[in-house]
Amino acid sequence: MLPAIPGTVPNLTRLPTGCAFRERCFAAGTKCTQTPALMPAGNDDRQVACWYPQREAHHV
């Protein structure tokens, strides 16, 4: 199961520039204002479109 992302889903007809998740992402950084390309996500066929795919949420 995928973890839920907090916050409100953006209007799909007016997505923010860059990564569509950056307004709600715990790992968002300055590169997130640019749209990431698909990149390998490990040693299999998975891919991610994220500048910071290995960061994990800090649970409080």
N, C-alpha and C. Protein backbone atom coordinates (compact mmCIF):
# COMPACT_ATOMS: atom_id res chain seq x y z
N MET A 1 0.84 -1.17 0.00
CA MET A 1 0.00 0.00 0.00
C MET A 1 0.89 1.24 0.00
N LEU A 2 0.52 2.22 -0.81
CA LEU A 2 1.26 3.48 -0.84
C LEU A 2 0.83 4.37 0.31
N PRO A 3 1.77 5.12 0.89
CA PRO A 3 1.39 6.04 1.95
C PRO A 3 0.61 7.23 1.39
N ALA A 4 -0.27 7.78 2.18
CA ALA A 4 -1.05 8.95 1.78
C ALA A 4 -0.18 10.20 1.86
N ILE A 5 -0.44 11.14 0.97
CA ILE A 5 0.26 12.43 0.99
C ILE A 5 -0.69 13.44 1.60
N PRO A 6 -0.28 14.11 2.67
CA PRO A 6 -1.18 15.08 3.31
C PRO A 6 -1.44 16.27 2.40
N GLY A 7 -2.50 17.01 2.70
CA GLY A 7 -2.81 18.22 1.96
C GLY A 7 -3.92 18.02 0.95
N THR A 8 -4.13 19.02 0.13
CA THR A 8 -5.19 19.02 -0.86
C THR A 8 -4.62 18.76 -2.24
N VAL A 9 -5.28 17.92 -3.01
CA VAL A 9 -4.86 17.63 -4.38
C VAL A 9 -5.01 18.91 -5.19
N PRO A 10 -3.98 19.27 -6.00
CA PRO A 10 -4.09 20.49 -6.79
C PRO A 10 -5.11 20.34 -7.92
N ASN A 11 -5.60 21.46 -8.42
CA ASN A 11 -6.51 21.48 -9.55
C ASN A 11 -5.76 20.89 -10.75
N LEU A 12 -6.26 19.83 -11.32
CA LEU A 12 -5.55 19.14 -12.40
C LEU A 12 -5.50 19.94 -13.69
N THR A 13 -6.31 20.97 -13.81
CA THR A 13 -6.24 21.83 -15.00
C THR A 13 -5.25 22.98 -14.80
N ARG A 14 -4.77 23.16 -13.56
CA ARG A 14 -3.80 24.22 -13.26
C ARG A 14 -2.75 23.68 -12.29
N LEU A 15 -2.00 22.68 -12.72
CA LEU A 15 -0.97 22.10 -11.87
C LEU A 15 0.15 23.12 -11.63
N PRO A 16 0.80 23.04 -10.48
CA PRO A 16 1.92 23.96 -10.23
C PRO A 16 3.07 23.65 -11.17
N THR A 17 3.96 24.60 -11.37
CA THR A 17 5.14 24.35 -12.18
C THR A 17 6.03 23.34 -11.47
N GLY A 18 6.79 22.60 -12.24
CA GLY A 18 7.67 21.60 -11.65
C GLY A 18 6.90 20.37 -11.22
N CYS A 19 7.34 19.77 -10.15
CA CYS A 19 6.71 18.56 -9.63
C CYS A 19 5.31 18.88 -9.09
N ALA A 20 4.33 18.11 -9.53
CA ALA A 20 2.95 18.34 -9.09
C ALA A 20 2.74 18.07 -7.61
N PHE A 21 3.66 17.38 -6.97
CA PHE A 21 3.53 17.03 -5.55
C PHE A 21 4.31 17.98 -4.63
N ARG A 22 5.07 18.92 -5.17
CA ARG A 22 5.99 19.71 -4.35
C ARG A 22 5.34 20.53 -3.25
N GLU A 23 4.12 20.97 -3.45
CA GLU A 23 3.43 21.76 -2.42
C GLU A 23 3.09 20.90 -1.19
N ARG A 24 3.01 19.57 -1.37
CA ARG A 24 2.58 18.68 -0.30
C ARG A 24 3.65 17.69 0.13
N CYS A 25 4.83 17.78 -0.44
CA CYS A 25 5.87 16.77 -0.21
C CYS A 25 6.80 17.15 0.93
N PHE A 26 7.06 16.22 1.83
CA PHE A 26 7.95 16.45 2.97
C PHE A 26 9.41 16.62 2.53
N ALA A 27 9.77 16.09 1.36
CA ALA A 27 11.15 16.13 0.90
C ALA A 27 11.41 17.19 -0.16
N ALA A 28 10.42 18.04 -0.46
CA ALA A 28 10.57 19.02 -1.54
C ALA A 28 11.76 19.94 -1.30
N GLY A 29 12.47 20.21 -2.37
CA GLY A 29 13.62 21.10 -2.31
C GLY A 29 13.58 22.07 -3.48
N THR A 30 14.65 22.80 -3.66
CA THR A 30 14.69 23.83 -4.69
C THR A 30 14.57 23.26 -6.10
N LYS A 31 15.07 22.06 -6.34
CA LYS A 31 14.98 21.47 -7.67
C LYS A 31 13.54 21.14 -8.07
N CYS A 32 12.66 21.05 -7.10
CA CYS A 32 11.28 20.63 -7.36
C CYS A 32 10.48 21.65 -8.15
N THR A 33 11.02 22.84 -8.38
CA THR A 33 10.34 23.81 -9.24
C THR A 33 10.52 23.45 -10.71
N GLN A 34 11.36 22.46 -10.98
CA GLN A 34 11.57 21.94 -12.33
C GLN A 34 10.93 20.56 -12.41
N THR A 35 10.39 20.21 -13.55
CA THR A 35 9.76 18.90 -13.72
C THR A 35 10.84 17.83 -13.84
N PRO A 36 10.82 16.81 -12.97
CA PRO A 36 11.83 15.75 -13.05
C PRO A 36 11.52 14.77 -14.18
N ALA A 37 12.55 14.21 -14.76
CA ALA A 37 12.40 13.16 -15.77
C ALA A 37 12.28 11.82 -15.07
N LEU A 38 11.80 10.82 -15.78
CA LEU A 38 11.76 9.46 -15.22
C LEU A 38 13.19 8.96 -15.04
N MET A 39 13.45 8.36 -13.87
CA MET A 39 14.76 7.82 -13.55
C MET A 39 14.59 6.42 -12.98
N PRO A 40 15.60 5.56 -13.11
CA PRO A 40 15.52 4.22 -12.50
C PRO A 40 15.34 4.34 -10.99
N ALA A 41 14.55 3.40 -10.43
CA ALA A 41 14.26 3.44 -9.00
C ALA A 41 14.91 2.29 -8.24
N GLY A 42 15.82 1.61 -8.84
CA GLY A 42 16.47 0.50 -8.16
C GLY A 42 17.03 -0.48 -9.18
N ASN A 43 17.13 -1.73 -8.76
CA ASN A 43 17.71 -2.75 -9.62
C ASN A 43 16.69 -3.50 -10.45
N ASP A 44 15.49 -2.99 -10.54
CA ASP A 44 14.45 -3.65 -11.34
C ASP A 44 13.92 -2.66 -12.37
N ASP A 45 12.74 -2.87 -12.88
CA ASP A 45 12.18 -2.04 -13.94
C ASP A 45 11.40 -0.83 -13.43
N ARG A 46 11.39 -0.59 -12.12
CA ARG A 46 10.64 0.55 -11.59
C ARG A 46 11.32 1.86 -11.95
N GLN A 47 10.50 2.91 -12.11
CA GLN A 47 11.02 4.25 -12.37
C GLN A 47 10.30 5.25 -11.48
N VAL A 48 10.97 6.37 -11.22
CA VAL A 48 10.37 7.46 -10.45
C VAL A 48 10.57 8.77 -11.20
N ALA A 49 9.71 9.72 -10.95
CA ALA A 49 9.85 11.07 -11.47
C ALA A 49 9.95 11.97 -10.25
N CYS A 50 11.10 11.94 -9.59
CA CYS A 50 11.31 12.67 -8.35
C CYS A 50 12.78 13.03 -8.23
N TRP A 51 13.05 14.25 -7.79
CA TRP A 51 14.43 14.68 -7.58
C TRP A 51 15.03 14.05 -6.33
N TYR A 52 14.19 13.71 -5.37
CA TYR A 52 14.67 13.19 -4.08
C TYR A 52 13.97 11.87 -3.73
N PRO A 53 14.08 10.84 -4.55
CA PRO A 53 13.27 9.63 -4.35
C PRO A 53 13.69 8.78 -3.14
N GLN A 54 14.85 8.96 -2.60
CA GLN A 54 15.31 8.11 -1.50
C GLN A 54 15.06 8.71 -0.12
N ARG A 55 14.54 9.91 -0.04
CA ARG A 55 14.25 10.51 1.25
C ARG A 55 13.02 9.86 1.85
N GLU A 56 13.05 9.67 3.15
CA GLU A 56 11.91 9.07 3.84
C GLU A 56 11.29 10.09 4.79
N ALA A 57 10.00 9.95 5.00
CA ALA A 57 9.30 10.86 5.90
C ALA A 57 9.84 10.71 7.32
N HIS A 58 9.90 11.80 8.02
CA HIS A 58 10.26 11.79 9.43
C HIS A 58 8.98 11.72 10.23
N HIS A 59 8.72 10.60 10.84
CA HIS A 59 7.48 10.42 11.59
C HIS A 59 7.66 11.01 12.99
N VAL A 60 6.73 11.86 13.37
CA VAL A 60 6.80 12.52 14.68
C VAL A 60 5.94 11.79 15.68
